[in-house]
Amino acid sequence: MKLTILGCYSATPRALTNTTAQVLEINNHMFLIDCGEGTQVHLRRHKIKFNRIKHVFISHLHGDHFFGLVGLISTFRLLTREADLHVYGPKGIKEIVTLQMKLADSWTNYNLYFHELTSKESELIYEDELVEVHTIPLEHRIYTNGYLFKEKEGERKLDVDLAEEANIDVAYYRKLKQGFDVENEDGILIRNESVTKPGQKPKSYAFCSDTVYKEDIVPIIKDVDVLYHESTFLEKHAHLGPRTKHSTAKEAASIAKQANVGTLVLGHFSTRYGGLEPFKAEAQEVFENVELSEDGKVFDFS
């Protein structure tokens, strides 16, 4: 599982700070999460292949989270993309994108699918044999979702020596890896656990931006390996949180602690601050394992 931060600041892009966008690579998938202005430039800068992106997840319809989407879709068209593209986001995302395409007479030459979200409860929105994605209902000034990405259980590890000792035909090895009990060549049922071990623990990633402090997301993100949580403000500006529907670094840490996550990654920083270290310091007063997002930073959670 690898996370590339393309942008992690709030409000407006600046010369040295980019608005929210990130790429999550998990179990052979490459997901684009939010698409702030200039995202396609940052994708090129980090040599991320456009054609590997088949699913885009937009948290909400504030510009610093999706103004780069139309440009990216247009560039895909100019590059004669053929692969389908799926866009998940709040109701209205389809109208915004298709209106610009209509007025520019620039319809895509690939299939473009919109999956518009309206539910205020967590729901499964994508699933295949490897990964599933659920929404995380957040509380912001407009309808907003975070996203929970979870690997599915992989195959078990077969101990070939034990399988041979148990007199199991090699034709049944695949079934054993899939978790089934099988009969050996003597007709005796061999329990799966006696010849296999659990496979690699499935990884999980939760993306939460933007939101006011919201404890009821804790059950949804319980025990995730990595939590990205917005931390727009330091404690000296905590009074701005309820009004703007944003969180502080310490509040993000409180969510991480309650949810027993593995690693907390802070992001969506207000550009009013001169540096990021105070965010980490304040968060670590509550939760120890804290990382700071930085534009261009790559986290490898393999």
Protein backbone atom coordinates (compact mmCIF):
# COMPACT_ATOMS: atom_id res chain seq x y z
CA MET A 1 0.00 0.00 0.00
CA LYS A 2 1.54 3.28 -1.13
CA LEU A 3 0.19 6.81 -0.72
CA THR A 4 1.43 9.72 -2.83
CA ILE A 5 0.45 13.19 -1.64
CA LEU A 6 -0.01 15.49 -4.63
CA GLY A 7 -1.45 18.34 -2.57
CA CYS A 8 -2.34 18.75 1.10
CA TYR A 9 -3.21 22.40 1.76
CA SER A 10 -6.59 24.05 2.12
CA ALA A 11 -8.37 26.78 0.20
CA THR A 12 -6.20 28.01 -2.70
CA PRO A 13 -3.09 26.80 -4.52
CA ARG A 14 0.07 28.86 -4.08
CA ALA A 15 3.51 28.82 -5.62
CA LEU A 16 4.76 26.18 -3.17
CA THR A 17 1.55 24.64 -1.83
CA ASN A 18 -1.07 22.58 -3.64
CA THR A 19 -4.67 21.82 -2.82
CA THR A 20 -5.95 18.36 -1.97
CA ALA A 21 -5.19 15.40 -4.22
CA GLN A 22 -3.56 12.07 -3.54
CA VAL A 23 -3.01 8.70 -5.17
CA LEU A 24 -3.51 5.47 -3.27
CA GLU A 25 -1.95 2.29 -4.63
CA ILE A 26 -3.45 -0.76 -2.97
CA ASN A 27 -3.56 -4.37 -4.13
CA ASN A 28 -2.75 -3.55 -7.76
CA HIS A 29 -5.26 -0.67 -7.89
CA MET A 30 -4.44 3.00 -8.34
CA PHE A 31 -7.13 5.31 -6.92
CA LEU A 32 -7.13 9.10 -7.27
CA ILE A 33 -8.63 10.74 -4.19
CA ASP A 34 -9.80 14.32 -4.69
CA CYS A 35 -8.52 16.37 -7.58
CA GLY A 36 -7.61 19.92 -6.68
CA GLU A 37 -6.45 22.45 -9.25
CA GLY A 38 -3.29 21.36 -11.06
CA THR A 39 -3.58 17.68 -10.19
CA GLN A 40 -2.63 16.49 -13.67
CA VAL A 41 0.58 18.53 -13.52
CA HIS A 42 1.50 16.90 -10.22
CA LEU A 43 0.68 13.45 -11.61
CA ARG A 44 3.18 14.09 -14.40
CA ARG A 45 5.75 15.44 -11.98
CA HIS A 46 5.62 12.21 -10.01
CA LYS A 47 5.56 10.05 -13.14
CA ILE A 48 2.22 8.46 -12.30
CA LYS A 49 0.76 6.80 -15.37
CA PHE A 50 -2.58 8.32 -16.33
CA ASN A 51 -3.91 5.10 -17.80
CA ARG A 52 -3.63 3.30 -14.46
CA ILE A 53 -6.19 5.64 -12.91
CA LYS A 54 -9.62 4.13 -13.48
CA HIS A 55 -11.43 5.37 -10.37
CA VAL A 56 -11.60 8.93 -8.97
CA PHE A 57 -13.14 9.67 -5.58
CA ILE A 58 -14.25 13.26 -4.89
CA SER A 59 -15.07 14.11 -1.27
CA HIS A 60 -17.15 17.25 -1.85
CA LEU A 61 -17.79 20.07 -4.28
CA HIS A 62 -15.56 22.78 -2.87
CA GLY A 63 -13.10 23.88 -5.52
CA ASP A 64 -9.93 22.96 -3.67
CA HIS A 65 -11.04 19.33 -3.91
CA PHE A 66 -12.24 19.00 -7.50
CA PHE A 67 -11.29 21.97 -9.74
CA GLY A 68 -8.66 19.81 -11.43
CA LEU A 69 -11.13 17.14 -12.50
CA VAL A 70 -12.45 18.64 -15.74
CA GLY A 71 -8.92 19.36 -16.93
CA LEU A 72 -7.83 15.82 -16.15
CA ILE A 73 -10.83 14.32 -17.97
CA SER A 74 -10.12 16.56 -20.94
CA THR A 75 -6.46 15.56 -21.04
CA PHE A 76 -7.43 11.89 -20.97
CA ARG A 77 -9.49 12.60 -24.09
CA LEU A 78 -6.61 14.35 -25.86
CA LEU A 79 -4.37 11.39 -25.06
CA THR A 80 -6.92 9.13 -26.81
CA ARG A 81 -7.67 7.20 -23.67
CA GLU A 82 -9.66 4.03 -24.20
CA ALA A 83 -10.09 2.68 -20.66
CA ASP A 84 -13.29 3.43 -18.75
CA LEU A 85 -13.16 6.10 -16.04
CA HIS A 86 -15.42 6.00 -12.97
CA VAL A 87 -15.99 9.14 -10.90
CA TYR A 88 -17.53 8.88 -7.43
CA GLY A 89 -18.74 12.03 -5.72
CA PRO A 90 -21.67 14.07 -4.42
CA LYS A 91 -24.77 14.56 -6.52
CA GLY A 92 -24.03 17.44 -8.89
CA ILE A 93 -20.59 16.27 -9.99
CA LYS A 94 -22.02 14.89 -13.24
CA GLU A 95 -23.82 18.13 -14.07
CA ILE A 96 -20.73 20.24 -13.43
CA VAL A 97 -18.45 18.14 -15.61
CA THR A 98 -20.86 17.40 -18.45
CA LEU A 99 -21.93 21.05 -18.76
CA GLN A 100 -18.35 22.12 -19.43
CA MET A 101 -17.90 19.27 -21.89
CA LYS A 102 -21.16 20.15 -23.64
CA LEU A 103 -20.36 23.85 -24.03
CA ALA A 104 -16.85 23.02 -25.28
CA ASP A 105 -18.17 20.27 -27.57
CA SER A 106 -15.50 18.04 -26.05
CA TRP A 107 -17.15 14.74 -25.23
CA THR A 108 -14.83 11.96 -24.18
CA ASN A 109 -13.84 9.19 -26.57
CA TYR A 110 -13.86 6.75 -23.64
CA ASN A 111 -16.65 5.64 -21.32
CA LEU A 112 -17.11 8.07 -18.44
CA TYR A 113 -19.30 6.85 -15.59
CA PHE A 114 -20.54 8.98 -12.68
CA HIS A 115 -21.56 7.42 -9.37
CA GLU A 116 -23.35 10.20 -7.50
CA LEU A 117 -23.67 9.93 -3.74
CA THR A 118 -26.47 11.21 -1.52
CA SER A 119 -26.58 8.89 1.49
CA LYS A 120 -25.69 10.21 4.92
CA GLU A 121 -24.94 6.67 6.10
CA SER A 122 -21.79 4.71 5.28
CA GLU A 123 -22.29 2.59 2.16
CA LEU A 124 -20.32 0.23 -0.04
CA ILE A 125 -19.73 2.02 -3.36
CA TYR A 126 -17.08 -0.13 -5.05
CA GLU A 127 -16.09 -3.76 -4.80
CA ASP A 128 -14.14 -6.35 -6.77
CA GLU A 129 -12.32 -9.54 -5.83
CA LEU A 130 -9.43 -7.62 -4.23
CA VAL A 131 -10.67 -4.35 -2.72
CA GLU A 132 -13.80 -2.68 -1.39
CA VAL A 133 -14.52 1.02 -0.85
CA HIS A 134 -17.00 2.47 1.65
CA THR A 135 -18.06 6.06 2.24
CA ILE A 136 -17.34 7.80 5.53
CA PRO A 137 -20.07 10.43 6.13
CA LEU A 138 -18.43 13.66 7.30
CA GLU A 139 -19.79 16.99 8.54
CA HIS A 140 -18.74 20.02 6.55
CA ARG A 141 -20.47 23.11 5.18
CA ILE A 142 -21.80 21.04 2.28
CA TYR A 143 -22.46 17.34 1.74
CA THR A 144 -19.11 15.54 2.18
CA ASN A 145 -17.80 11.99 2.32
CA GLY A 146 -14.51 10.47 3.26
CA TYR A 147 -13.56 7.08 1.84
CA LEU A 148 -12.46 3.81 3.42
CA PHE A 149 -10.35 1.51 1.22
CA LYS A 150 -10.01 -2.09 2.43
CA GLU A 151 -8.16 -5.05 0.99
CA LYS A 152 -10.02 -8.33 1.11
CA GLU A 153 -8.60 -11.40 2.79
CA GLY A 154 -5.92 -12.95 0.59
CA GLU A 155 -5.03 -16.57 0.11
CA ARG A 156 -3.63 -18.59 2.99
CA LYS A 157 0.00 -19.74 2.92
CA LEU A 158 0.42 -23.45 2.30
CA ASP A 159 3.07 -25.44 4.15
CA VAL A 160 3.96 -27.89 1.38
CA ASP A 161 5.90 -30.20 3.72
CA LEU A 162 2.87 -30.56 6.01
CA ALA A 163 0.59 -31.09 3.02
CA GLU A 164 2.84 -33.87 1.75
CA GLU A 165 2.99 -35.47 5.20
CA ALA A 166 -0.81 -35.38 5.31
CA ASN A 167 -0.88 -37.27 1.99
CA ILE A 168 -2.83 -34.55 0.16
CA ASP A 169 -2.91 -34.67 -3.62
CA VAL A 170 -1.25 -31.64 -5.20
CA ALA A 171 -4.47 -31.03 -7.14
CA TYR A 172 -6.05 -29.80 -3.89
CA TYR A 173 -3.33 -27.28 -3.01
CA ARG A 174 -5.27 -24.43 -4.60
CA LYS A 175 -8.34 -25.26 -2.53
CA LEU A 176 -6.22 -25.26 0.60
CA LYS A 177 -4.87 -21.79 -0.20
CA GLN A 178 -8.47 -20.64 -0.60
CA GLY A 179 -9.26 -21.82 2.92
CA PHE A 180 -11.10 -25.07 2.25
CA ASP A 181 -10.74 -28.37 4.11
CA VAL A 182 -9.94 -31.28 1.75
CA GLU A 183 -9.79 -35.07 1.80
CA ASN A 184 -6.40 -36.69 1.46
CA GLU A 185 -5.67 -39.74 -0.70
CA ASP A 186 -6.83 -42.00 2.12
CA GLY A 187 -10.23 -40.30 2.26
CA ILE A 188 -9.49 -38.54 5.56
CA LEU A 189 -10.70 -34.96 5.92
CA ILE A 190 -7.74 -32.65 6.57
CA ARG A 191 -8.50 -29.41 8.37
CA ASN A 192 -7.21 -26.38 6.52
CA GLU A 193 -5.58 -24.86 9.60
CA SER A 194 -3.37 -27.92 10.04
CA VAL A 195 -1.45 -27.37 6.79
CA THR A 196 -1.79 -23.62 6.13
CA LYS A 197 -1.10 -20.31 7.84
CA PRO A 198 -2.94 -16.99 7.50
CA GLY A 199 -1.87 -14.90 4.54
CA GLN A 200 -0.67 -11.33 4.74
CA LYS A 201 -2.95 -9.14 6.87
CA PRO A 202 -5.24 -7.08 4.62
CA LYS A 203 -4.38 -3.38 4.64
CA SER A 204 -6.80 -0.49 4.99
CA TYR A 205 -6.74 3.27 4.46
CA ALA A 206 -9.26 5.90 5.55
CA PHE A 207 -9.39 9.37 3.98
CA CYS A 208 -11.23 12.03 6.01
CA SER A 209 -11.33 15.54 4.63
CA ASP A 210 -13.02 18.02 5.24
CA THR A 211 -14.91 17.73 8.51
CA VAL A 212 -15.57 19.20 11.88
CA TYR A 213 -14.62 16.94 14.82
CA LYS A 214 -16.98 13.98 14.43
CA GLU A 215 -16.72 11.06 16.82
CA ASP A 216 -19.39 8.95 15.15
CA ILE A 217 -16.98 8.06 12.32
CA VAL A 218 -14.87 6.07 14.80
CA PRO A 219 -16.75 2.76 14.39
CA ILE A 220 -16.41 3.00 10.59
CA ILE A 221 -12.64 3.47 10.66
CA LYS A 222 -11.90 1.27 13.67
CA ASP A 223 -8.45 -0.41 13.50
CA VAL A 224 -7.52 0.89 10.03
CA ASP A 225 -3.83 0.77 9.23
CA VAL A 226 -3.62 4.40 8.08
CA LEU A 227 -5.93 7.35 8.69
CA TYR A 228 -5.58 10.60 6.77
CA HIS A 229 -7.51 13.23 8.71
CA GLU A 230 -7.77 16.92 8.00
CA SER A 231 -6.07 19.21 10.49
CA THR A 232 -6.75 22.69 9.19
CA PHE A 233 -6.05 24.50 12.46
CA LEU A 234 -3.73 24.52 15.45
CA GLU A 235 -5.23 24.81 18.92
CA LYS A 236 -4.83 28.59 19.03
CA HIS A 237 -7.43 28.78 16.26
CA ALA A 238 -9.65 25.97 17.53
CA HIS A 239 -12.55 28.40 17.83
CA LEU A 240 -12.67 28.59 14.03
CA GLY A 241 -13.37 24.86 13.70
CA PRO A 242 -17.10 24.76 14.50
CA ARG A 243 -17.75 27.84 12.36
CA THR A 244 -15.87 26.65 9.28
CA LYS A 245 -16.55 22.94 9.89
CA HIS A 246 -12.89 22.00 10.09
CA SER A 247 -10.73 20.18 12.65
CA THR A 248 -7.55 20.83 14.59
CA ALA A 249 -4.52 18.54 14.65
CA LYS A 250 -5.32 17.57 18.23
CA GLU A 251 -8.90 16.67 17.28
CA ALA A 252 -7.64 14.52 14.42
CA ALA A 253 -5.37 12.75 16.91
CA SER A 254 -8.30 12.16 19.23
CA ILE A 255 -10.18 10.41 16.41
CA ALA A 256 -7.08 8.32 15.64
CA LYS A 257 -6.71 7.28 19.27
CA GLN A 258 -10.38 6.35 19.68
CA ALA A 259 -10.31 4.35 16.42
CA ASN A 260 -7.05 2.58 17.37
CA VAL A 261 -5.52 3.29 13.96
CA GLY A 262 -1.98 2.31 13.07
CA THR A 263 -0.73 5.62 11.66
CA LEU A 264 -2.29 9.09 11.52
CA VAL A 265 -1.39 11.27 8.54
CA LEU A 266 -2.28 14.93 8.98
CA GLY A 267 -3.22 17.19 6.07
CA HIS A 268 -5.39 20.02 4.70
CA PHE A 269 -3.31 22.62 6.51
CA SER A 270 -4.30 26.26 6.54
CA THR A 271 -1.69 28.36 4.77
CA ARG A 272 -1.83 30.94 7.60
CA TYR A 273 0.90 28.99 9.41
CA GLY A 274 4.60 29.28 8.73
CA GLY A 275 5.50 25.62 9.26
CA LEU A 276 4.00 22.19 9.83
CA GLU A 277 5.91 20.84 12.83
CA PRO A 278 3.51 22.42 15.36
CA PHE A 279 0.71 20.30 13.85
CA LYS A 280 2.66 17.14 14.58
CA ALA A 281 3.65 18.29 18.04
CA GLU A 282 0.07 19.08 19.06
CA ALA A 283 -1.27 15.82 17.63
CA GLN A 284 1.39 13.76 19.43
CA GLU A 285 0.14 15.07 22.76
CA VAL A 286 -2.81 12.74 22.14
CA PHE A 287 -1.61 10.07 19.67
CA GLU A 288 2.00 9.06 19.16
CA ASN A 289 2.27 7.67 15.61
CA VAL A 290 1.77 10.83 13.53
CA GLU A 291 3.03 11.72 10.07
CA LEU A 292 2.76 15.03 8.23
CA SER A 293 1.55 15.27 4.67
CA GLU A 294 3.76 17.29 2.36
CA ASP A 295 3.25 17.98 -1.32
CA GLY A 296 5.12 15.28 -3.21
CA LYS A 297 5.69 13.05 -0.20
CA VAL A 298 5.31 9.29 -0.70
CA PHE A 299 4.35 6.94 2.15
CA ASP A 300 5.07 3.25 1.65
CA PHE A 301 2.96 1.16 4.02
CA SER A 302 3.89 -2.22 2.53
